[in-house]
């Protein structure tokens, strides 16, 4: 048993016999850069009813609550454009194209 303890200790601590300081090498940390985020924008819609816009928003973006969808619709109605969601590029493109397919005007742009 003492032989095993000596072997473990010798692998854990730097050897003093070499005369130099032991350098413990550490693997470089990988830094993951977050993927760019994109804003899905809804533009004012003078054609469709407010109820249709809210219902479509909720259908296309299931994470939106009724209140969130109403807020987006009102923002677009009052200012000309409303922020629907901020997400990665692929879901942003999907949401934008699906909204367009349902007759709503939508664009995406990089989050700044």
C-alpha atoms as a PDB file:
ATOM      1  CA  UNK A   1       0.000   0.000   0.000  1.00  0.00           C
ATOM      2  CA  UNK A   2       2.747   2.578   0.776  1.00  0.00           C
ATOM      3  CA  UNK A   3       4.136   1.974  -2.742  1.00  0.00           C
ATOM      4  CA  UNK A   4       0.763   2.975  -4.246  1.00  0.00           C
ATOM      5  CA  UNK A   5       0.602   6.140  -2.113  1.00  0.00           C
ATOM      6  CA  UNK A   6       4.131   7.088  -3.219  1.00  0.00           C
ATOM      7  CA  UNK A   7       3.140   6.589  -6.887  1.00  0.00           C
ATOM      8  CA  UNK A   8       0.019   8.729  -6.514  1.00  0.00           C
ATOM      9  CA  UNK A   9       1.909  11.515  -4.761  1.00  0.00           C
ATOM     10  CA  UNK A  10       4.638  11.505  -7.374  1.00  0.00           C
ATOM     11  CA  UNK A  11       2.087  12.010 -10.144  1.00  0.00           C
ATOM     12  CA  UNK A  12       0.293  14.779  -8.269  1.00  0.00           C
ATOM     13  CA  UNK A  13       3.168  16.996  -7.186  1.00  0.00           C
ATOM     14  CA  UNK A  14       6.015  18.327  -9.291  1.00  0.00           C
ATOM     15  CA  UNK A  15       9.305  16.520  -8.930  1.00  0.00           C
ATOM     16  CA  UNK A  16      12.021  18.380  -7.035  1.00  0.00           C
ATOM     17  CA  UNK A  17      14.732  16.104  -8.434  1.00  0.00           C
ATOM     18  CA  UNK A  18      14.878  17.856 -11.814  1.00  0.00           C
ATOM     19  CA  UNK A  19      15.901  21.114 -10.186  1.00  0.00           C
ATOM     20  CA  UNK A  20      13.443  23.190 -12.206  1.00  0.00           C
ATOM     21  CA  UNK A  21       9.947  24.297 -11.530  1.00  0.00           C
ATOM     22  CA  UNK A  22       7.270  22.080 -12.964  1.00  0.00           C
ATOM     23  CA  UNK A  23       4.791  23.753 -15.265  1.00  0.00           C
ATOM     24  CA  UNK A  24       1.273  22.435 -15.242  1.00  0.00           C
ATOM     25  CA  UNK A  25      -0.216  22.759 -18.701  1.00  0.00           C
ATOM     26  CA  UNK A  26      -3.854  23.664 -18.896  1.00  0.00           C
ATOM     27  CA  UNK A  27      -5.903  22.989 -21.980  1.00  0.00           C
ATOM     28  CA  UNK A  28      -7.020  26.250 -23.582  1.00  0.00           C
ATOM     29  CA  UNK A  29     -10.601  27.134 -22.796  1.00  0.00           C
ATOM     30  CA  UNK A  30     -12.957  27.124 -25.702  1.00  0.00           C
ATOM     31  CA  UNK A  31     -14.874  30.333 -25.939  1.00  0.00           C
ATOM     32  CA  UNK A  32     -18.187  29.886 -27.679  1.00  0.00           C
ATOM     33  CA  UNK A  33     -19.256  32.975 -29.464  1.00  0.00           C
ATOM     34  CA  UNK A  34     -23.022  33.363 -29.255  1.00  0.00           C
ATOM     35  CA  UNK A  35     -24.752  33.200 -32.604  1.00  0.00           C
ATOM     36  CA  UNK A  36     -26.063  36.510 -33.916  1.00  0.00           C
ATOM     37  CA  UNK A  37     -29.666  37.273 -33.054  1.00  0.00           C
ATOM     38  CA  UNK A  38     -32.289  38.684 -35.408  1.00  0.00           C
ATOM     39  CA  UNK A  39     -35.386  40.791 -34.876  1.00  0.00           C
ATOM     40  CA  UNK A  40     -38.596  39.699 -36.560  1.00  0.00           C
ATOM     41  CA  UNK A  41     -40.587  42.827 -37.354  1.00  0.00           C
ATOM     42  CA  UNK A  42     -44.269  43.194 -38.147  1.00  0.00           C
ATOM     43  CA  UNK A  43     -45.198  46.182 -40.286  1.00  0.00           C
ATOM     44  CA  UNK A  44     -48.449  48.088 -40.017  1.00  0.00           C
ATOM     45  CA  UNK A  45     -51.282  46.340 -41.829  1.00  0.00           C
ATOM     46  CA  UNK A  46     -54.134  48.544 -43.054  1.00  0.00           C
ATOM     47  CA  UNK A  47     -55.881  45.575 -44.723  1.00  0.00           C
ATOM     48  CA  UNK A  48     -56.396  42.848 -42.107  1.00  0.00           C
ATOM     49  CA  UNK A  49     -58.396  43.225 -38.902  1.00  0.00           C
ATOM     50  CA  UNK A  50     -56.611  43.612 -35.585  1.00  0.00           C
ATOM     51  CA  UNK A  51     -58.127  40.318 -34.435  1.00  0.00           C
ATOM     52  CA  UNK A  52     -56.716  38.531 -37.495  1.00  0.00           C
ATOM     53  CA  UNK A  53     -53.246  39.988 -36.898  1.00  0.00           C
ATOM     54  CA  UNK A  54     -53.266  38.957 -33.218  1.00  0.00           C
ATOM     55  CA  UNK A  55     -54.529  35.465 -34.018  1.00  0.00           C
ATOM     56  CA  UNK A  56     -51.962  35.007 -36.773  1.00  0.00           C
ATOM     57  CA  UNK A  57     -49.123  36.172 -34.546  1.00  0.00           C
ATOM     58  CA  UNK A  58     -50.125  33.647 -31.884  1.00  0.00           C
ATOM     59  CA  UNK A  59     -50.453  30.881 -34.454  1.00  0.00           C
ATOM     60  CA  UNK A  60     -47.083  31.557 -36.095  1.00  0.00           C
ATOM     61  CA  UNK A  61     -45.116  32.345 -32.913  1.00  0.00           C
ATOM     62  CA  UNK A  62     -46.544  30.026 -30.235  1.00  0.00           C
ATOM     63  CA  UNK A  63     -44.367  31.556 -27.504  1.00  0.00           C
ATOM     64  CA  UNK A  64     -46.354  34.811 -27.748  1.00  0.00           C
ATOM     65  CA  UNK A  65     -49.120  35.200 -25.208  1.00  0.00           C
ATOM     66  CA  UNK A  66     -52.385  36.899 -26.112  1.00  0.00           C
ATOM     67  CA  UNK A  67     -51.173  40.079 -24.372  1.00  0.00           C
ATOM     68  CA  UNK A  68     -47.805  39.966 -26.164  1.00  0.00           C
ATOM     69  CA  UNK A  69     -49.485  39.532 -29.553  1.00  0.00           C
ATOM     70  CA  UNK A  70     -51.835  42.448 -28.833  1.00  0.00           C
ATOM     71  CA  UNK A  71     -48.859  44.608 -27.796  1.00  0.00           C
ATOM     72  CA  UNK A  72     -46.972  43.767 -31.028  1.00  0.00           C
ATOM     73  CA  UNK A  73     -50.054  44.504 -33.132  1.00  0.00           C
ATOM     74  CA  UNK A  74     -50.649  47.847 -31.355  1.00  0.00           C
ATOM     75  CA  UNK A  75     -46.986  48.822 -31.670  1.00  0.00           C
ATOM     76  CA  UNK A  76     -47.109  48.153 -35.419  1.00  0.00           C
ATOM     77  CA  UNK A  77     -50.447  49.983 -35.691  1.00  0.00           C
ATOM     78  CA  UNK A  78     -49.267  53.062 -33.776  1.00  0.00           C
ATOM     79  CA  UNK A  79     -45.633  53.357 -34.901  1.00  0.00           C
ATOM     80  CA  UNK A  80     -45.576  51.515 -38.226  1.00  0.00           C
ATOM     81  CA  UNK A  81     -43.512  48.553 -37.029  1.00  0.00           C
ATOM     82  CA  UNK A  82     -43.684  46.141 -34.088  1.00  0.00           C
ATOM     83  CA  UNK A  83     -41.053  43.808 -32.664  1.00  0.00           C
ATOM     84  CA  UNK A  84     -42.407  40.260 -32.759  1.00  0.00           C
ATOM     85  CA  UNK A  85     -39.445  38.260 -31.400  1.00  0.00           C
ATOM     86  CA  UNK A  86     -35.644  38.197 -31.264  1.00  0.00           C
ATOM     87  CA  UNK A  87     -34.106  34.817 -32.105  1.00  0.00           C
ATOM     88  CA  UNK A  88     -31.540  32.957 -34.216  1.00  0.00           C
ATOM     89  CA  UNK A  89     -31.567  33.392 -37.998  1.00  0.00           C
ATOM     90  CA  UNK A  90     -33.350  30.157 -38.930  1.00  0.00           C
ATOM     91  CA  UNK A  91     -36.439  30.604 -36.733  1.00  0.00           C
ATOM     92  CA  UNK A  92     -36.466  34.321 -37.616  1.00  0.00           C
ATOM     93  CA  UNK A  93     -36.622  33.491 -41.327  1.00  0.00           C
ATOM     94  CA  UNK A  94     -39.310  30.892 -40.668  1.00  0.00           C
ATOM     95  CA  UNK A  95     -41.495  33.299 -38.656  1.00  0.00           C
ATOM     96  CA  UNK A  96     -41.053  36.090 -41.200  1.00  0.00           C
ATOM     97  CA  UNK A  97     -41.901  33.921 -44.206  1.00  0.00           C
ATOM     98  CA  UNK A  98     -44.859  32.322 -42.441  1.00  0.00           C
ATOM     99  CA  UNK A  99     -46.282  35.723 -41.484  1.00  0.00           C
ATOM    100  CA  UNK A 100     -45.886  36.844 -45.110  1.00  0.00           C
ATOM    101  CA  UNK A 101     -47.620  33.673 -46.283  1.00  0.00           C
ATOM    102  CA  UNK A 102     -50.589  34.602 -44.121  1.00  0.00           C
ATOM    103  CA  UNK A 103     -50.859  38.067 -45.657  1.00  0.00           C
ATOM    104  CA  UNK A 104     -48.912  40.111 -43.088  1.00  0.00           C
ATOM    105  CA  UNK A 105     -45.944  42.313 -43.874  1.00  0.00           C
ATOM    106  CA  UNK A 106     -42.813  41.195 -42.014  1.00  0.00           C
ATOM    107  CA  UNK A 107     -39.053  41.633 -42.227  1.00  0.00           C
ATOM    108  CA  UNK A 108     -36.001  40.555 -40.237  1.00  0.00           C
ATOM    109  CA  UNK A 109     -32.937  42.537 -39.294  1.00  0.00           C
ATOM    110  CA  UNK A 110     -29.866  41.873 -37.142  1.00  0.00           C
ATOM    111  CA  UNK A 111     -30.209  42.784 -33.494  1.00  0.00           C
ATOM    112  CA  UNK A 112     -27.929  45.704 -32.727  1.00  0.00           C
END
